PDB file of N, CA and C in Angstrom:
ATOM      1  N   MET A   1     117.541 100.467 128.007  1.00  0.00           N
ATOM      2  CA  MET A   1     117.754  99.213 127.291  1.00  0.00           C
ATOM      3  C   MET A   1     116.419  98.604 126.841  1.00  0.00           C
ATOM      4  N   LYS A   2     115.391  98.749 127.644  1.00  0.00           N
ATOM      5  CA  LYS A   2     114.085  98.194 127.292  1.00  0.00           C
ATOM      6  C   LYS A   2     113.532  98.857 126.036  1.00  0.00           C
ATOM      7  N   LYS A   3     113.803 100.161 125.879  1.00  0.00           N
ATOM      8  CA  LYS A   3     113.287 100.887 124.723  1.00  0.00           C
ATOM      9  C   LYS A   3     113.890 100.337 123.427  1.00  0.00           C
ATOM     10  N   LYS A   4     115.168  99.982 123.441  1.00  0.00           N
ATOM     11  CA  LYS A   4     115.820  99.418 122.262  1.00  0.00           C
ATOM     12  C   LYS A   4     115.229  98.051 121.922  1.00  0.00           C
ATOM     13  N   ASP A   5     114.928  97.269 122.939  1.00  0.00           N
ATOM     14  CA  ASP A   5     114.344  95.951 122.702  1.00  0.00           C
ATOM     15  C   ASP A   5     112.969  96.071 122.042  1.00  0.00           C
ATOM     16  N   ILE A   6     112.189  97.048 122.453  1.00  0.00           N
ATOM     17  CA  ILE A   6     110.863  97.247 121.866  1.00  0.00           C
ATOM     18  C   ILE A   6     110.996  97.588 120.384  1.00  0.00           C
ATOM     19  N   TRP A   7     111.948  98.470 120.046  1.00  0.00           N
ATOM     20  CA  TRP A   7     112.141  98.848 118.640  1.00  0.00           C
ATOM     21  C   TRP A   7     112.651  97.686 117.812  1.00  0.00           C
ATOM     22  N   LYS A   8     113.460  96.808 118.397  1.00  0.00           N
ATOM     23  CA  LYS A   8     113.923  95.615 117.683  1.00  0.00           C
ATOM     24  C   LYS A   8     112.748  94.697 117.373  1.00  0.00           C
ATOM     25  N   ILE A   9     111.869  94.518 118.338  1.00  0.00           N
ATOM     26  CA  ILE A   9     110.693  93.663 118.142  1.00  0.00           C
ATOM     27  C   ILE A   9     109.788  94.245 117.064  1.00  0.00           C
ATOM     28  N   ILE A  10     109.558  95.557 117.118  1.00  0.00           N
ATOM     29  CA  ILE A  10     108.716  96.208 116.112  1.00  0.00           C
ATOM     30  C   ILE A  10     109.350  96.071 114.723  1.00  0.00           C
ATOM     31  N   GLY A  11     110.651  96.252 114.642  1.00  0.00           N
ATOM     32  CA  GLY A  11     111.354  96.114 113.367  1.00  0.00           C
ATOM     33  C   GLY A  11     111.247  94.709 112.796  1.00  0.00           C
ATOM     34  N   VAL A  12     111.378  93.712 113.649  1.00  0.00           N
ATOM     35  CA  VAL A  12     111.273  92.320 113.200  1.00  0.00           C
ATOM     36  C   VAL A  12     109.859  92.031 112.712  1.00  0.00           C
ATOM     37  N   ILE A  13     108.854  92.520 113.410  1.00  0.00           N
ATOM     38  CA  ILE A  13     107.470  92.302 112.994  1.00  0.00           C
ATOM     39  C   ILE A  13     107.214  92.938 111.628  1.00  0.00           C
ATOM     40  N   ILE A  14     107.698  94.166 111.431  1.00  0.00           N
ATOM     41  CA  ILE A  14     107.525  94.838 110.140  1.00  0.00           C
ATOM     42  C   ILE A  14     108.258  94.076 109.041  1.00  0.00           C
ATOM     43  N   LEU A  15     109.465  93.606 109.334  1.00  0.00           N
ATOM     44  CA  LEU A  15     110.240  92.851 108.363  1.00  0.00           C
ATOM     45  C   LEU A  15     109.518  91.565 107.955  1.00  0.00           C
ATOM     46  N   VAL A  16     108.993  90.856 108.924  1.00  0.00           N
ATOM     47  CA  VAL A  16     108.268  89.618 108.631  1.00  0.00           C
ATOM     48  C   VAL A  16     107.020  89.919 107.793  1.00  0.00           C
ATOM     49  N   ALA A  17     106.296  90.984 108.133  1.00  0.00           N
ATOM     50  CA  ALA A  17     105.099  91.345 107.373  1.00  0.00           C
ATOM     51  C   ALA A  17     105.456  91.686 105.929  1.00  0.00           C
ATOM     52  N   LEU A  18     106.532  92.429 105.723  1.00  0.00           N
ATOM     53  CA  LEU A  18     106.949  92.779 104.360  1.00  0.00           C
ATOM     54  C   LEU A  18     107.393  91.546 103.576  1.00  0.00           C
ATOM     55  N   MET A  19     108.079  90.635 104.233  1.00  0.00           N
ATOM     56  CA  MET A  19     108.520  89.419 103.545  1.00  0.00           C
ATOM     57  C   MET A  19     107.327  88.540 103.158  1.00  0.00           C
ATOM     58  N   LEU A  20     106.337  88.447 104.030  1.00  0.00           N
ATOM     59  CA  LEU A  20     105.139  87.678 103.689  1.00  0.00           C
ATOM     60  C   LEU A  20     104.381  88.327 102.538  1.00  0.00           C
ATOM     61  N   TYR A  21     104.295  89.670 102.543  1.00  0.00           N
ATOM     62  CA  TYR A  21     103.639  90.385 101.445  1.00  0.00           C
ATOM     63  C   TYR A  21     104.382  90.127 100.136  1.00  0.00           C
ATOM     64  N   TRP A  22     105.710  90.194 100.178  1.00  0.00           N
ATOM     65  CA  TRP A  22     106.519  89.961  98.991  1.00  0.00           C
ATOM     66  C   TRP A  22     106.311  88.542  98.469  1.00  0.00           C
ATOM     67  N   LEU A  23     106.231  87.576  99.372  1.00  0.00           N
ATOM     68  CA  LEU A  23     106.037  86.182  98.990  1.00  0.00           C
ATOM     69  C   LEU A  23     104.690  85.997  98.306  1.00  0.00           C
ATOM     70  N   PHE A  24     103.623  86.501  98.926  1.00  0.00           N
ATOM     71  CA  PHE A  24     102.294  86.295  98.363  1.00  0.00           C
ATOM     72  C   PHE A  24     102.055  87.138  97.125  1.00  0.00           C
ATOM     73  N   ALA A  25     102.620  88.339  97.048  1.00  0.00           N
ATOM     74  CA  ALA A  25     102.483  89.163  95.855  1.00  0.00           C
ATOM     75  C   ALA A  25     103.196  88.495  94.682  1.00  0.00           C
ATOM     76  N   GLY A  26     104.341  87.886  94.932  1.00  0.00           N
ATOM     77  CA  GLY A  26     105.059  87.189  93.871  1.00  0.00           C
ATOM     78  C   GLY A  26     104.292  85.999  93.341  1.00  0.00           C
ATOM     79  N   THR A  27     103.656  85.241  94.206  1.00  0.00           N
ATOM     80  CA  THR A  27     102.907  84.084  93.741  1.00  0.00           C
ATOM     81  C   THR A  27     101.661  84.517  92.993  1.00  0.00           C
ATOM     82  N   LEU A  28     101.019  85.606  93.407  1.00  0.00           N
ATOM     83  CA  LEU A  28      99.841  86.076  92.694  1.00  0.00           C
ATOM     84  C   LEU A  28     100.208  86.587  91.307  1.00  0.00           C
ATOM     85  N   LEU A  29     101.345  87.274  91.178  1.00  0.00           N
ATOM     86  CA  LEU A  29     101.767  87.763  89.869  1.00  0.00           C
ATOM     87  C   LEU A  29     102.113  86.604  88.944  1.00  0.00           C
ATOM     88  N   GLU A  30     102.708  85.547  89.458  1.00  0.00           N
ATOM     89  CA  GLU A  30     103.032  84.393  88.625  1.00  0.00           C
ATOM     90  C   GLU A  30     101.767  83.694  88.157  1.00  0.00           C
ATOM     91  N   GLU A  31     100.751  83.612  88.991  1.00  0.00           N
ATOM     92  CA  GLU A  31      99.496  83.000  88.579  1.00  0.00           C
ATOM     93  C   GLU A  31      98.819  83.833  87.502  1.00  0.00           C
ATOM     94  N   ASP A  32      98.912  85.151  87.591  1.00  0.00           N
ATOM     95  CA  ASP A  32      98.293  86.016  86.603  1.00  0.00           C
ATOM     96  C   ASP A  32      98.967  85.877  85.245  1.00  0.00           C
ATOM     97  N   ASP A  33     100.256  85.571  85.219  1.00  0.00           N
ATOM     98  CA  ASP A  33     100.965  85.410  83.958  1.00  0.00           C
ATOM     99  C   ASP A  33     100.436  84.219  83.170  1.00  0.00           C
ATOM    100  N   ASN A  34      99.964  83.203  83.865  1.00  0.00           N
ATOM    101  CA  ASN A  34      99.473  82.005  83.184  1.00  0.00           C
ATOM    102  C   ASN A  34      98.058  82.183  82.645  1.00  0.00           C
ATOM    103  N   ALA A  35      97.348  83.176  83.124  1.00  0.00           N
ATOM    104  CA  ALA A  35      95.973  83.390  82.700  1.00  0.00           C
ATOM    105  C   ALA A  35      95.961  84.018  81.309  1.00  0.00           C
ATOM    106  N   ALA A  36      94.944  83.688  80.533  1.00  0.00           N
ATOM    107  CA  ALA A  36      94.800  84.264  79.198  1.00  0.00           C
ATOM    108  C   ALA A  36      94.263  85.687  79.320  1.00  0.00           C
ATOM    109  N   MET A  37      94.972  86.602  78.714  1.00  0.00           N
ATOM    110  CA  MET A  37      94.547  88.000  78.741  1.00  0.00           C
ATOM    111  C   MET A  37      93.574  88.240  77.591  1.00  0.00           C
ATOM    112  N   PRO A  38      92.620  89.147  77.741  1.00  0.00           N
ATOM    113  CA  PRO A  38      91.674  89.433  76.650  1.00  0.00           C
ATOM    114  C   PRO A  38      92.375  89.867  75.365  1.00  0.00           C
ATOM    115  N   SER A  39      93.463  90.630  75.491  1.00  0.00           N
ATOM    116  CA  SER A  39      94.174  91.060  74.285  1.00  0.00           C
ATOM    117  C   SER A  39      94.790  89.863  73.558  1.00  0.00           C
ATOM    118  N   ASP A  40      95.230  88.843  74.297  1.00  0.00           N
ATOM    119  CA  ASP A  40      95.770  87.643  73.658  1.00  0.00           C
ATOM    120  C   ASP A  40      94.690  86.897  72.885  1.00  0.00           C
ATOM    121  N   LEU A  41      93.500  86.841  73.439  1.00  0.00           N
ATOM    122  CA  LEU A  41      92.405  86.151  72.760  1.00  0.00           C
ATOM    123  C   LEU A  41      92.011  86.880  71.485  1.00  0.00           C
ATOM    124  N   ILE A  42      92.037  88.190  71.511  1.00  0.00           N
ATOM    125  CA  ILE A  42      91.684  88.974  70.313  1.00  0.00           C
ATOM    126  C   ILE A  42      92.719  88.738  69.215  1.00  0.00           C
ATOM    127  N   GLU A  43      94.000  88.717  69.583  1.00  0.00           N
ATOM    128  CA  GLU A  43      95.054  88.486  68.594  1.00  0.00           C
ATOM    129  C   GLU A  43      94.946  87.097  68.000  1.00  0.00           C
ATOM    130  N   GLN A  44      94.612  86.088  68.801  1.00  0.00           N
ATOM    131  CA  GLN A  44      94.512  84.722  68.304  1.00  0.00           C
ATOM    132  C   GLN A  44      93.316  84.562  67.374  1.00  0.00           C
ATOM    133  N   SER A  45      92.215  85.241  67.671  1.00  0.00           N
ATOM    134  CA  SER A  45      91.027  85.101  66.822  1.00  0.00           C
ATOM    135  C   SER A  45      91.224  85.796  65.479  1.00  0.00           C
ATOM    136  N   GLY A  46      92.090  86.792  65.419  1.00  0.00           N
ATOM    137  CA  GLY A  46      92.337  87.506  64.165  1.00  0.00           C
ATOM    138  C   GLY A  46      93.189  86.714  63.199  1.00  0.00           C
ATOM    139  N   ASN A  47      93.958  85.769  63.688  1.00  0.00           N
ATOM    140  CA  ASN A  47      94.875  85.002  62.805  1.00  0.00           C
ATOM    141  C   ASN A  47      94.184  83.810  62.212  1.00  0.00           C
TER     142      ASN A  47
END
């Protein structure tokens, strides 16, 4: 029974780590969308 409890704890820790990664990766991608890309600046200067 103790062995199953250890695997449950390890699984929960991995799950929490993945959820935190997903949360922070999502916020970083949203911040990058707001930044001006070099290709956007080139297109704007051509018009």
